[in-house]
Protein backbone atom coordinates (compact mmCIF):
# COMPACT_ATOMS: atom_id res chain seq x y z
CA MET A 1 162.46 14.41 -4.21
CA ILE A 2 161.69 17.13 -1.44
CA LEU A 3 164.68 18.41 0.32
CA ASP A 4 164.62 20.21 3.48
CA LYS A 5 168.17 21.72 2.84
CA ILE A 6 169.03 24.50 0.77
CA PRO A 7 171.12 23.64 -1.98
CA GLU A 8 172.44 26.02 -4.57
CA LEU A 9 170.54 24.79 -7.40
CA ASP A 10 172.29 25.17 -10.99
CA GLY A 11 173.94 28.36 -9.90
CA CYS A 12 170.59 30.09 -9.93
CA THR A 13 169.75 30.09 -6.26
CA THR A 14 171.78 31.38 -3.41
CA SER A 15 171.66 31.19 0.57
CA VAL A 16 172.87 33.80 2.92
CA SER A 17 173.35 33.94 6.47
CA ALA A 18 172.33 37.61 6.93
CA PRO A 19 170.04 40.27 6.09
CA GLU A 20 172.36 42.28 3.88
CA GLY A 21 172.90 38.69 1.60
CA LEU A 22 169.31 39.03 0.25
CA SER A 23 170.87 41.65 -2.02
CA THR A 24 172.43 38.93 -4.02
CA ILE A 25 169.06 38.90 -5.88
CA ARG A 26 170.54 41.45 -7.99
CA ARG A 27 173.40 39.53 -9.34
CA PRO A 28 173.33 38.25 -12.60
CA ALA A 29 171.40 34.76 -13.27
CA CYS A 30 170.37 34.69 -9.43
CA GLY A 31 166.47 33.53 -9.66
CA ALA A 32 166.00 33.60 -5.92
CA THR A 33 167.75 33.98 -2.47
CA VAL A 34 167.07 32.87 0.98
CA TRP A 35 168.13 34.00 4.11
CA GLN A 36 168.61 31.01 6.56
CA ARG A 37 167.83 31.67 10.04
CA ASP A 38 166.48 29.87 12.98
CA PRO A 39 163.26 31.23 14.71
CA LEU A 40 163.42 32.02 18.25
CA PRO A 41 161.73 28.71 20.16
CA ARG A 42 159.58 30.69 22.04
CA PHE A 43 158.39 33.00 19.41
CA GLN A 44 157.53 29.63 17.42
CA ARG A 45 155.93 27.84 20.08
CA TRP A 46 153.50 30.75 20.50
CA ILE A 47 152.77 31.38 16.75
CA ASP A 48 152.17 27.67 16.40
CA THR A 49 149.63 27.25 18.95
CA LEU A 50 147.86 30.52 18.29
CA PRO A 51 144.02 29.97 17.20
CA PRO A 52 144.00 30.68 13.38
CA GLU A 53 141.28 33.28 14.02
CA HIS A 54 143.72 35.49 15.81
CA LEU A 55 146.60 35.36 13.26
CA PRO A 56 147.07 38.68 11.44
CA LYS A 57 145.41 39.11 8.01
CA ALA A 58 145.98 42.06 5.96
CA ARG A 59 146.29 43.21 2.22
CA MET A 60 147.36 46.90 1.72
CA ILE A 61 149.75 49.10 -0.24
CA LEU A 62 152.01 51.44 1.83
CA ARG A 63 155.32 52.75 2.25
CA PRO A 64 157.97 50.96 4.07
CA GLU A 65 158.13 53.32 6.89
CA ALA A 66 154.51 52.96 7.70
CA VAL A 67 154.34 49.24 8.15
CA CYS A 68 155.12 49.11 11.68
CA ASP A 69 152.22 51.24 12.58
CA ALA A 70 150.07 49.28 10.27
CA LEU A 71 150.61 46.03 11.67
CA ILE A 72 149.88 47.20 15.25
CA ASN A 73 146.24 48.33 13.90
CA ILE A 74 146.10 44.97 12.20
CA VAL A 75 147.01 42.65 15.06
CA ARG A 76 144.58 44.50 17.53
CA GLN A 77 141.87 44.23 15.27
CA CYS A 78 142.53 40.55 14.45
CA GLY A 79 142.44 39.55 18.20
CA THR A 80 146.36 38.56 18.25
CA PRO A 81 147.11 38.44 22.17
CA ASP A 82 149.42 41.59 23.08
CA CYS A 83 152.72 40.13 24.38
CA SER A 84 156.30 40.13 23.43
CA GLU A 85 156.12 37.47 20.89
CA ARG A 86 153.34 39.64 19.06
CA ASN A 87 155.86 42.51 19.28
CA LEU A 88 158.52 40.55 17.62
CA LEU A 89 156.27 39.66 14.81
CA ILE A 90 155.65 43.00 14.28
CA GLU A 91 159.26 44.24 14.38
CA ASP A 92 160.36 41.45 11.97
CA ALA A 93 157.90 41.90 9.44
CA SER A 94 158.54 45.80 9.43
CA ALA A 95 162.52 45.07 9.17
CA LEU A 96 161.87 42.75 6.19
CA ALA A 97 159.67 45.37 4.63
CA SER A 98 162.57 47.87 5.25
CA ILE A 99 165.10 45.50 3.77
CA PHE A 100 163.20 44.55 0.97
CA ALA A 101 162.30 48.23 -0.18
CA ASN A 102 165.76 48.95 -0.06
CA ILE A 103 166.90 46.10 -2.45
CA MET A 104 164.11 47.03 -4.68
CA ASP A 105 164.48 50.83 -4.36
CA SER A 106 160.76 50.92 -4.04
CA ALA A 107 158.89 54.02 -2.26
CA TYR A 108 155.78 51.52 -1.83
CA LEU A 109 155.21 47.77 -1.09
CA ARG A 110 151.85 46.00 -1.39
CA LEU A 111 151.95 43.85 1.77
CA ARG A 112 149.91 40.79 2.65
CA PHE A 113 149.53 38.64 5.77
CA ASP A 114 147.75 35.43 4.58
CA VAL A 115 146.63 32.64 6.54
CA ILE A 116 146.31 29.35 4.64
CA ASN A 117 144.95 25.88 5.52
CA THR A 118 144.11 25.12 1.65
CA ASN A 119 146.26 23.95 -1.38
CA ALA A 120 146.69 27.80 -2.33
CA CYS A 121 149.08 28.31 -5.38
CA ARG A 122 149.85 24.42 -5.39
CA LYS A 123 150.94 24.54 -9.01
CA PHE A 124 154.46 25.61 -9.96
CA HIS A 125 154.84 28.98 -11.33
CA VAL A 126 156.68 32.10 -11.66
CA ASP A 127 154.67 35.25 -10.16
CA ALA A 128 153.86 38.37 -12.48
CA VAL A 129 156.08 40.64 -10.44
CA THR A 130 159.25 42.45 -10.60
CA ALA A 131 160.37 40.09 -7.32
CA ARG A 132 158.53 38.90 -4.47
CA LEU A 133 159.34 38.37 -0.68
CA VAL A 134 157.75 35.72 1.04
CA CYS A 135 158.23 34.59 4.75
CA THR A 136 156.48 31.61 6.30
CA TYR A 137 156.07 32.55 10.01
CA ARG A 138 153.90 29.05 10.59
CA GLY A 139 153.54 26.03 8.80
CA THR A 140 155.45 24.44 5.73
CA GLY A 141 157.45 26.87 3.81
CA THR A 142 157.32 27.59 0.21
CA GLN A 143 159.10 25.14 -2.47
CA TYR A 144 160.84 25.77 -5.26
CA GLY A 145 162.85 23.71 -7.90
CA ILE A 146 164.41 24.03 -11.66
CA SER A 147 162.01 22.81 -14.37
CA GLU A 148 162.99 20.89 -17.24
CA ASN A 149 161.19 21.82 -20.67
CA GLY A 150 158.24 23.33 -18.48
CA ASP A 151 157.68 20.16 -16.48
CA ASP A 152 157.44 20.20 -12.65
CA PRO A 153 160.83 20.14 -10.76
CA GLU A 154 162.35 16.95 -9.80
CA ARG A 155 164.16 18.27 -7.10
CA ILE A 156 161.96 20.13 -4.63
CA VAL A 157 163.53 22.38 -2.16
CA THR A 158 161.35 23.66 1.01
CA VAL A 159 162.55 26.78 2.52
CA PRO A 160 162.72 26.63 6.36
CA THR A 161 159.83 28.13 8.36
CA GLY A 162 160.78 31.64 9.37
CA SER A 163 163.49 32.06 6.20
CA PRO A 164 162.69 34.82 4.05
CA ILE A 165 163.22 34.10 0.25
CA ILE A 166 163.20 36.65 -2.36
CA LEU A 167 162.08 35.30 -5.66
CA ARG A 168 162.53 37.18 -9.02
CA GLY A 169 159.25 37.25 -11.08
CA THR A 170 158.48 37.64 -15.02
CA ARG A 171 158.84 41.44 -14.83
CA TRP A 172 162.29 41.19 -13.88
CA PRO A 173 164.19 43.43 -16.41
CA GLU A 174 166.58 42.09 -18.92
CA THR A 175 167.38 38.74 -17.22
CA PRO A 176 166.40 35.19 -19.27
CA LEU A 177 164.26 32.99 -17.11
CA SER A 178 166.19 30.39 -15.10
CA GLY A 179 163.50 27.74 -14.97
CA LEU A 180 163.29 28.37 -11.40
CA LEU A 181 159.52 27.76 -10.53
CA HIS A 182 157.83 27.70 -6.94
CA ARG A 183 154.70 26.89 -5.07
CA SER A 184 152.91 27.04 -1.98
CA PRO A 185 153.24 22.95 -0.42
CA PRO A 186 149.94 21.16 -0.68
CA ILE A 187 148.55 21.15 2.71
CA ALA A 188 144.33 20.40 2.26
CA GLY A 189 143.36 17.78 4.54
CA THR A 190 146.32 17.98 6.96
CA GLY A 191 145.05 20.13 9.39
CA GLU A 192 147.90 22.54 9.03
CA THR A 193 147.60 26.25 9.04
CA ARG A 194 150.37 28.58 7.53
CA LEU A 195 151.15 32.23 8.15
CA LEU A 196 152.64 34.22 5.27
CA LEU A 197 154.16 37.35 4.71
CA VAL A 198 154.19 38.39 1.23
CA LEU A 199 155.96 41.74 -0.13
CA ASP A 200 155.72 43.29 -3.73
CA PRO A 201 157.33 46.69 -4.88
CA ILE A 202 154.93 48.89 -6.03
CA GLU A 203 155.75 51.67 -8.81
CA ASP A 204 152.51 53.40 -8.92
CA PRO A 205 149.89 52.94 -5.90
CA GLU A 206 147.26 54.83 -7.50
CA LEU A 207 146.95 51.89 -10.05
CA GLU A 208 146.24 49.44 -7.36
CA ALA A 209 142.61 50.18 -6.95
CA GLU A 210 141.37 46.76 -5.50
CA THR A 211 143.92 47.05 -2.57
CA ALA A 212 143.71 49.52 0.90
CA TYR A 213 146.18 52.27 0.18
CA ILE A 214 147.95 53.86 3.07
CA HIS A 215 150.09 57.06 2.74
């Protein structure tokens, strides 16, 4: 069963209505928190109709305060049309980076903009990170649910498009696993293209040799 509304599953997930609420990820037994928000209609129309080859694609490690300038360069390189909606995308991603870095007390972030039209990460799993922020700007959002005995969740929740979710990973300290698993929605063969912002906290950027590093 796939749900579009955000129930609080077994007390290990929370849904908030303001960005400061994302800090509830630090509460005991909270496996994930979703900031439920509605995208601006004009922005959503714009991002949904952009040719996939002009959607921003990136993978880098940088300080949160460098995100805005880095994204300006990325959208130019990717040919994303220069307009007010493009500015909104840059501003929103930069704001999410700042919020997440503050919550995680992290001086550096790994930032990815992924353009996906396959069944990437379609199996339910937990990421090998401390925590991860995911925001789907285009297409179907991340799906999650509670696993019983290692099986796939029976109730699957789909995060609304444009709503950021922070998920605890296997490296979150001192908290037992909640059974909360997530996946990318299976979209292969549907013609759908997703645009994801993914943020991870980084302790030592010098150890991340495979990723571009911006001071």
